[in-house]
Amino acid sequence: METARRTGAKVAGPIPLPTKINKYCVLRSPHVDKKSREQFEIRTHKRLLDIVDPTQQTVDALMKLDLSAGVDVEIKL
């Protein structure tokens, strides 16, 4: 959001989308104790940013943006 605002574009959002939850059930022991299990889950949070009137400078800045691991950005024009 800050990158888009810095280049002069108007930003609407972030709009939170529904969280996708993947649940996994794993046996604790491979041979015995069938009833003993561990449960893990992965939560995927999505946000939608709508950039109104983007300039060419805005698009270039978003393409070169450095993000931390686990964060993905998809840009649609």
PDB file of N, CA and C in Angstrom:
ATOM      1  N   MET A   1       0.822  -1.184   0.000  1.00  0.00           N
ATOM      2  CA  MET A   1       0.000   0.000   0.000  1.00  0.00           C
ATOM      3  C   MET A   1       0.868   1.250   0.000  1.00  0.00           C
ATOM      4  N   GLU A   2       1.914   1.225   0.818  1.00  0.00           N
ATOM      5  CA  GLU A   2       2.777   2.402   0.914  1.00  0.00           C
ATOM      6  C   GLU A   2       3.489   2.683  -0.408  1.00  0.00           C
ATOM      7  N   THR A   3       3.897   1.623  -1.102  1.00  0.00           N
ATOM      8  CA  THR A   3       4.581   1.803  -2.387  1.00  0.00           C
ATOM      9  C   THR A   3       3.659   2.448  -3.408  1.00  0.00           C
ATOM     10  N   ALA A   4       2.409   2.010  -3.462  1.00  0.00           N
ATOM     11  CA  ALA A   4       1.457   2.576  -4.410  1.00  0.00           C
ATOM     12  C   ALA A   4       1.133   4.032  -4.067  1.00  0.00           C
ATOM     13  N   ARG A   5       0.984   4.328  -2.796  1.00  0.00           N
ATOM     14  CA  ARG A   5       0.671   5.707  -2.390  1.00  0.00           C
ATOM     15  C   ARG A   5       1.841   6.645  -2.660  1.00  0.00           C
ATOM     16  N   ARG A   6       3.082   6.143  -2.461  1.00  0.00           N
ATOM     17  CA  ARG A   6       4.272   6.952  -2.676  1.00  0.00           C
ATOM     18  C   ARG A   6       4.404   7.389  -4.137  1.00  0.00           C
ATOM     19  N   THR A   7       3.923   6.542  -5.058  1.00  0.00           N
ATOM     20  CA  THR A   7       4.043   6.862  -6.482  1.00  0.00           C
ATOM     21  C   THR A   7       2.863   7.676  -7.004  1.00  0.00           C
ATOM     22  N   GLY A   8       1.908   8.006  -6.155  1.00  0.00           N
ATOM     23  CA  GLY A   8       0.823   8.897  -6.545  1.00  0.00           C
ATOM     24  C   GLY A   8      -0.466   8.214  -6.942  1.00  0.00           C
ATOM     25  N   ALA A   9      -0.591   6.919  -6.756  1.00  0.00           N
ATOM     26  CA  ALA A   9      -1.820   6.210  -7.105  1.00  0.00           C
ATOM     27  C   ALA A   9      -2.761   6.180  -5.909  1.00  0.00           C
ATOM     28  N   LYS A  10      -4.049   6.102  -6.189  1.00  0.00           N
ATOM     29  CA  LYS A  10      -5.045   5.971  -5.123  1.00  0.00           C
ATOM     30  C   LYS A  10      -5.260   4.493  -4.827  1.00  0.00           C
ATOM     31  N   VAL A  11      -5.364   4.159  -3.542  1.00  0.00           N
ATOM     32  CA  VAL A  11      -5.488   2.759  -3.127  1.00  0.00           C
ATOM     33  C   VAL A  11      -6.795   2.565  -2.375  1.00  0.00           C
ATOM     34  N   ALA A  12      -7.551   1.536  -2.754  1.00  0.00           N
ATOM     35  CA  ALA A  12      -8.758   1.145  -2.031  1.00  0.00           C
ATOM     36  C   ALA A  12      -8.465  -0.206  -1.388  1.00  0.00           C
ATOM     37  N   GLY A  13      -8.636  -0.300  -0.097  1.00  0.00           N
ATOM     38  CA  GLY A  13      -8.384  -1.578   0.560  1.00  0.00           C
ATOM     39  C   GLY A  13      -7.435  -1.380   1.719  1.00  0.00           C
ATOM     40  N   PRO A  14      -6.877  -2.395   2.273  1.00  0.00           N
ATOM     41  CA  PRO A  14      -6.971  -3.808   1.912  1.00  0.00           C
ATOM     42  C   PRO A  14      -8.320  -4.413   2.313  1.00  0.00           C
ATOM     43  N   ILE A  15      -8.830  -5.260   1.453  1.00  0.00           N
ATOM     44  CA  ILE A  15     -10.091  -5.943   1.696  1.00  0.00           C
ATOM     45  C   ILE A  15      -9.766  -7.381   2.086  1.00  0.00           C
ATOM     46  N   PRO A  16     -10.096  -7.805   3.301  1.00  0.00           N
ATOM     47  CA  PRO A  16      -9.791  -9.186   3.694  1.00  0.00           C
ATOM     48  C   PRO A  16     -10.733 -10.172   3.013  1.00  0.00           C
ATOM     49  N   LEU A  17     -10.159 -11.190   2.386  1.00  0.00           N
ATOM     50  CA  LEU A  17     -10.931 -12.263   1.766  1.00  0.00           C
ATOM     51  C   LEU A  17     -11.001 -13.426   2.753  1.00  0.00           C
ATOM     52  N   PRO A  18     -11.898 -14.382   2.552  1.00  0.00           N
ATOM     53  CA  PRO A  18     -12.012 -15.495   3.492  1.00  0.00           C
ATOM     54  C   PRO A  18     -10.703 -16.260   3.646  1.00  0.00           C
ATOM     55  N   THR A  19     -10.426 -16.687   4.878  1.00  0.00           N
ATOM     56  CA  THR A  19      -9.222 -17.441   5.185  1.00  0.00           C
ATOM     57  C   THR A  19      -9.422 -18.895   4.791  1.00  0.00           C
ATOM     58  N   LYS A  20      -8.457 -19.443   4.046  1.00  0.00           N
ATOM     59  CA  LYS A  20      -8.521 -20.847   3.643  1.00  0.00           C
ATOM     60  C   LYS A  20      -7.742 -21.664   4.665  1.00  0.00           C
ATOM     61  N   ILE A  21      -8.383 -22.690   5.231  1.00  0.00           N
ATOM     62  CA  ILE A  21      -7.764 -23.512   6.262  1.00  0.00           C
ATOM     63  C   ILE A  21      -7.629 -24.943   5.748  1.00  0.00           C
ATOM     64  N   ASN A  22      -6.388 -25.418   5.667  1.00  0.00           N
ATOM     65  CA  ASN A  22      -6.122 -26.813   5.311  1.00  0.00           C
ATOM     66  C   ASN A  22      -5.752 -27.553   6.586  1.00  0.00           C
ATOM     67  N   LYS A  23      -6.494 -28.620   6.918  1.00  0.00           N
ATOM     68  CA  LYS A  23      -6.230 -29.391   8.128  1.00  0.00           C
ATOM     69  C   LYS A  23      -5.674 -30.755   7.746  1.00  0.00           C
ATOM     70  N   TYR A  24      -4.660 -31.179   8.491  1.00  0.00           N
ATOM     71  CA  TYR A  24      -4.023 -32.468   8.266  1.00  0.00           C
ATOM     72  C   TYR A  24      -4.005 -33.254   9.564  1.00  0.00           C
ATOM     73  N   CYS A  25      -4.380 -34.521   9.489  1.00  0.00           N
ATOM     74  CA  CYS A  25      -4.384 -35.406  10.651  1.00  0.00           C
ATOM     75  C   CYS A  25      -3.319 -36.479  10.406  1.00  0.00           C
ATOM     76  N   VAL A  26      -2.377 -36.616  11.334  1.00  0.00           N
ATOM     77  CA  VAL A  26      -1.229 -37.505  11.166  1.00  0.00           C
ATOM     78  C   VAL A  26      -1.157 -38.458  12.354  1.00  0.00           C
ATOM     79  N   LEU A  27      -0.864 -39.738  12.062  1.00  0.00           N
ATOM     80  CA  LEU A  27      -0.662 -40.713  13.130  1.00  0.00           C
ATOM     81  C   LEU A  27       0.631 -40.376  13.877  1.00  0.00           C
ATOM     82  N   ARG A  28       0.596 -40.429  15.212  1.00  0.00           N
ATOM     83  CA  ARG A  28       1.795 -40.145  16.006  1.00  0.00           C
ATOM     84  C   ARG A  28       2.823 -41.266  15.870  1.00  0.00           C
ATOM     85  N   SER A  29       2.350 -42.485  15.795  1.00  0.00           N
ATOM     86  CA  SER A  29       3.225 -43.652  15.721  1.00  0.00           C
ATOM     87  C   SER A  29       2.832 -44.460  14.487  1.00  0.00           C
ATOM     88  N   PRO A  30       3.801 -44.972  13.720  1.00  0.00           N
ATOM     89  CA  PRO A  30       3.453 -45.677  12.494  1.00  0.00           C
ATOM     90  C   PRO A  30       2.850 -47.075  12.702  1.00  0.00           C
ATOM     91  N   HIS A  31       3.084 -47.723  13.862  1.00  0.00           N
ATOM     92  CA  HIS A  31       2.676 -49.112  14.023  1.00  0.00           C
ATOM     93  C   HIS A  31       1.584 -49.332  15.070  1.00  0.00           C
ATOM     94  N   VAL A  32       1.654 -48.641  16.193  1.00  0.00           N
ATOM     95  CA  VAL A  32       0.689 -48.857  17.276  1.00  0.00           C
ATOM     96  C   VAL A  32      -0.045 -47.561  17.575  1.00  0.00           C
ATOM     97  N   ASP A  33      -1.001 -47.638  18.472  1.00  0.00           N
ATOM     98  CA  ASP A  33      -1.769 -46.467  18.919  1.00  0.00           C
ATOM     99  C   ASP A  33      -2.466 -45.760  17.754  1.00  0.00           C
ATOM    100  N   LYS A  34      -3.373 -46.473  17.117  1.00  0.00           N
ATOM    101  CA  LYS A  34      -4.115 -45.928  15.983  1.00  0.00           C
ATOM    102  C   LYS A  34      -4.951 -44.711  16.393  1.00  0.00           C
ATOM    103  N   LYS A  35      -5.373 -44.672  17.658  1.00  0.00           N
ATOM    104  CA  LYS A  35      -6.235 -43.571  18.106  1.00  0.00           C
ATOM    105  C   LYS A  35      -5.448 -42.312  18.473  1.00  0.00           C
ATOM    106  N   SER A  36      -4.134 -42.427  18.587  1.00  0.00           N
ATOM    107  CA  SER A  36      -3.307 -41.284  18.955  1.00  0.00           C
ATOM    108  C   SER A  36      -2.873 -40.551  17.686  1.00  0.00           C
ATOM    109  N   ARG A  37      -3.377 -39.339  17.497  1.00  0.00           N
ATOM    110  CA  ARG A  37      -3.093 -38.589  16.276  1.00  0.00           C
ATOM    111  C   ARG A  37      -2.749 -37.137  16.603  1.00  0.00           C
ATOM    112  N   GLU A  38      -2.039 -36.518  15.689  1.00  0.00           N
ATOM    113  CA  GLU A  38      -1.744 -35.090  15.795  1.00  0.00           C
ATOM    114  C   GLU A  38      -2.472 -34.365  14.679  1.00  0.00           C
ATOM    115  N   GLN A  39      -2.913 -33.155  14.967  1.00  0.00           N
ATOM    116  CA  GLN A  39      -3.607 -32.364  13.964  1.00  0.00           C
ATOM    117  C   GLN A  39      -2.823 -31.082  13.695  1.00  0.00           C
ATOM    118  N   PHE A  40      -2.626 -30.800  12.406  1.00  0.00           N
ATOM    119  CA  PHE A  40      -1.934 -29.590  11.980  1.00  0.00           C
ATOM    120  C   PHE A  40      -2.839 -28.828  11.028  1.00  0.00           C
ATOM    121  N   GLU A  41      -2.624 -27.531  10.957  1.00  0.00           N
ATOM    122  CA  GLU A  41      -3.397 -26.743   9.994  1.00  0.00           C
ATOM    123  C   GLU A  41      -2.528 -25.641   9.411  1.00  0.00           C
ATOM    124  N   ILE A  42      -2.818 -25.309   8.170  1.00  0.00           N
ATOM    125  CA  ILE A  42      -2.171 -24.210   7.468  1.00  0.00           C
ATOM    126  C   ILE A  42      -3.264 -23.202   7.139  1.00  0.00           C
ATOM    127  N   ARG A  43      -3.078 -21.980   7.604  1.00  0.00           N
ATOM    128  CA  ARG A  43      -4.046 -20.920   7.326  1.00  0.00           C
ATOM    129  C   ARG A  43      -3.484 -19.986   6.272  1.00  0.00           C
ATOM    130  N   THR A  44      -4.251 -19.754   5.213  1.00  0.00           N
ATOM    131  CA  THR A  44      -3.846 -18.863   4.134  1.00  0.00           C
ATOM    132  C   THR A  44      -4.740 -17.635   4.182  1.00  0.00           C
ATOM    133  N   HIS A  45      -4.124 -16.499   4.509  1.00  0.00           N
ATOM    134  CA  HIS A  45      -4.858 -15.235   4.588  1.00  0.00           C
ATOM    135  C   HIS A  45      -4.651 -14.475   3.290  1.00  0.00           C
ATOM    136  N   LYS A  46      -5.717 -13.979   2.690  1.00  0.00           N
ATOM    137  CA  LYS A  46      -5.623 -13.225   1.450  1.00  0.00           C
ATOM    138  C   LYS A  46      -6.199 -11.834   1.651  1.00  0.00           C
ATOM    139  N   ARG A  47      -5.574 -10.868   1.005  1.00  0.00           N
ATOM    140  CA  ARG A  47      -6.036  -9.479   1.033  1.00  0.00           C
ATOM    141  C   ARG A  47      -6.120  -8.982  -0.407  1.00  0.00           C
ATOM    142  N   LEU A  48      -7.050  -8.113  -0.668  1.00  0.00           N
ATOM    143  CA  LEU A  48      -7.231  -7.546  -2.000  1.00  0.00           C
ATOM    144  C   LEU A  48      -6.994  -6.042  -1.925  1.00  0.00           C
ATOM    145  N   LEU A  49      -6.055  -5.553  -2.740  1.00  0.00           N
ATOM    146  CA  LEU A  49      -5.789  -4.124  -2.841  1.00  0.00           C
ATOM    147  C   LEU A  49      -6.200  -3.677  -4.237  1.00  0.00           C
ATOM    148  N   ASP A  50      -7.039  -2.672  -4.310  1.00  0.00           N
ATOM    149  CA  ASP A  50      -7.461  -2.133  -5.588  1.00  0.00           C
ATOM    150  C   ASP A  50      -6.750  -0.801  -5.784  1.00  0.00           C
ATOM    151  N   ILE A  51      -5.880  -0.744  -6.800  1.00  0.00           N
ATOM    152  CA  ILE A  51      -5.127   0.473  -7.087  1.00  0.00           C
ATOM    153  C   ILE A  51      -5.836   1.200  -8.226  1.00  0.00           C
ATOM    154  N   VAL A  52      -6.373   2.373  -7.908  1.00  0.00           N
ATOM    155  CA  VAL A  52      -7.129   3.167  -8.875  1.00  0.00           C
ATOM    156  C   VAL A  52      -6.161   4.149  -9.542  1.00  0.00           C
ATOM    157  N   ASP A  53      -6.243   4.285 -10.866  1.00  0.00           N
ATOM    158  CA  ASP A  53      -5.393   5.171 -11.665  1.00  0.00           C
ATOM    159  C   ASP A  53      -3.901   4.932 -11.426  1.00  0.00           C
ATOM    160  N   PRO A  54      -3.403   3.708 -11.703  1.00  0.00           N
ATOM    161  CA  PRO A  54      -1.962   3.467 -11.519  1.00  0.00           C
ATOM    162  C   PRO A  54      -1.149   4.119 -12.632  1.00  0.00           C
ATOM    163  N   THR A  55      -0.005   4.642 -12.287  1.00  0.00           N
ATOM    164  CA  THR A  55       0.909   5.198 -13.269  1.00  0.00           C
ATOM    165  C   THR A  55       1.931   4.130 -13.652  1.00  0.00           C
ATOM    166  N   GLN A  56       2.729   4.398 -14.661  1.00  0.00           N
ATOM    167  CA  GLN A  56       3.772   3.449 -15.060  1.00  0.00           C
ATOM    168  C   GLN A  56       4.799   3.297 -13.940  1.00  0.00           C
ATOM    169  N   GLN A  57       5.040   4.372 -13.209  1.00  0.00           N
ATOM    170  CA  GLN A  57       5.974   4.337 -12.085  1.00  0.00           C
ATOM    171  C   GLN A  57       5.447   3.416 -10.979  1.00  0.00           C
ATOM    172  N   THR A  58       4.137   3.400 -10.772  1.00  0.00           N
ATOM    173  CA  THR A  58       3.522   2.532  -9.770  1.00  0.00           C
ATOM    174  C   THR A  58       3.718   1.065 -10.139  1.00  0.00           C
ATOM    175  N   VAL A  59       3.484   0.715 -11.397  1.00  0.00           N
ATOM    176  CA  VAL A  59       3.617  -0.665 -11.842  1.00  0.00           C
ATOM    177  C   VAL A  59       5.070  -1.126 -11.724  1.00  0.00           C
ATOM    178  N   ASP A  60       6.025  -0.276 -12.110  1.00  0.00           N
ATOM    179  CA  ASP A  60       7.444  -0.623 -12.001  1.00  0.00           C
ATOM    180  C   ASP A  60       7.857  -0.835 -10.550  1.00  0.00           C
ATOM    181  N   ALA A  61       7.367   0.019  -9.643  1.00  0.00           N
ATOM    182  CA  ALA A  61       7.713  -0.104  -8.226  1.00  0.00           C
ATOM    183  C   ALA A  61       7.146  -1.391  -7.634  1.00  0.00           C
ATOM    184  N   LEU A  62       5.947  -1.791  -8.050  1.00  0.00           N
ATOM    185  CA  LEU A  62       5.348  -3.022  -7.529  1.00  0.00           C
ATOM    186  C   LEU A  62       6.046  -4.265  -8.076  1.00  0.00           C
ATOM    187  N   MET A  63       6.545  -4.205  -9.299  1.00  0.00           N
ATOM    188  CA  MET A  63       7.262  -5.341  -9.876  1.00  0.00           C
ATOM    189  C   MET A  63       8.592  -5.580  -9.170  1.00  0.00           C
ATOM    190  N   LYS A  64       9.239  -4.504  -8.705  1.00  0.00           N
ATOM    191  CA  LYS A  64      10.556  -4.602  -8.071  1.00  0.00           C
ATOM    192  C   LYS A  64      10.475  -4.738  -6.556  1.00  0.00           C
ATOM    193  N   LEU A  65       9.287  -4.907  -6.009  1.00  0.00           N
ATOM    194  CA  LEU A  65       9.082  -4.933  -4.566  1.00  0.00           C
ATOM    195  C   LEU A  65       9.693  -6.183  -3.940  1.00  0.00           C
ATOM    196  N   ASP A  66      10.496  -6.020  -2.884  1.00  0.00           N
ATOM    197  CA  ASP A  66      11.072  -7.147  -2.140  1.00  0.00           C
ATOM    198  C   ASP A  66      10.111  -7.547  -1.028  1.00  0.00           C
ATOM    199  N   LEU A  67       9.772  -8.829  -0.986  1.00  0.00           N
ATOM    200  CA  LEU A  67       8.837  -9.328   0.019  1.00  0.00           C
ATOM    201  C   LEU A  67       9.491 -10.427   0.839  1.00  0.00           C
ATOM    202  N   SER A  68       9.008 -10.621   2.048  1.00  0.00           N
ATOM    203  CA  SER A  68       9.540 -11.673   2.906  1.00  0.00           C
ATOM    204  C   SER A  68       9.071 -13.047   2.423  1.00  0.00           C
ATOM    205  N   ALA A  69       9.693 -14.077   2.956  1.00  0.00           N
ATOM    206  CA  ALA A  69       9.358 -15.444   2.560  1.00  0.00           C
ATOM    207  C   ALA A  69       7.926 -15.761   2.986  1.00  0.00           C
ATOM    208  N   GLY A  70       7.196 -16.459   2.128  1.00  0.00           N
ATOM    209  CA  GLY A  70       5.833 -16.833   2.440  1.00  0.00           C
ATOM    210  C   GLY A  70       4.797 -15.828   1.985  1.00  0.00           C
ATOM    211  N   VAL A  71       5.234 -14.692   1.472  1.00  0.00           N
ATOM    212  CA  VAL A  71       4.311 -13.666   0.994  1.00  0.00           C
ATOM    213  C   VAL A  71       4.371 -13.659  -0.534  1.00  0.00           C
ATOM    214  N   ASP A  72       3.206 -13.747  -1.175  1.00  0.00           N
ATOM    215  CA  ASP A  72       3.138 -13.789  -2.623  1.00  0.00           C
ATOM    216  C   ASP A  72       2.240 -12.661  -3.109  1.00  0.00           C
ATOM    217  N   VAL A  73       2.636 -12.031  -4.211  1.00  0.00           N
ATOM    218  CA  VAL A  73       1.853 -10.942  -4.780  1.00  0.00           C
ATOM    219  C   VAL A  73       1.528 -11.276  -6.227  1.00  0.00           C
ATOM    220  N   GLU A  74       0.278 -11.078  -6.592  1.00  0.00           N
ATOM    221  CA  GLU A  74      -0.153 -11.277  -7.967  1.00  0.00           C
ATOM    222  C   GLU A  74      -0.689  -9.953  -8.476  1.00  0.00           C
ATOM    223  N   ILE A  75      -0.131  -9.485  -9.599  1.00  0.00           N
ATOM    224  CA  ILE A  75      -0.519  -8.184 -10.161  1.00  0.00           C
ATOM    225  C   ILE A  75      -1.284  -8.423 -11.453  1.00  0.00           C
ATOM    226  N   LYS A  76      -2.501  -7.909 -11.509  1.00  0.00           N
ATOM    227  CA  LYS A  76      -3.323  -8.006 -12.723  1.00  0.00           C
ATOM    228  C   LYS A  76      -3.620  -6.610 -13.215  1.00  0.00           C
ATOM    229  N   LEU A  77      -3.428  -6.394 -14.509  1.00  0.00           N
ATOM    230  CA  LEU A  77      -3.704  -5.072 -15.087  1.00  0.00           C
ATOM    231  C   LEU A  77      -5.030  -5.091 -15.811  1.00  0.00           C
TER     232      LEU A  77
END
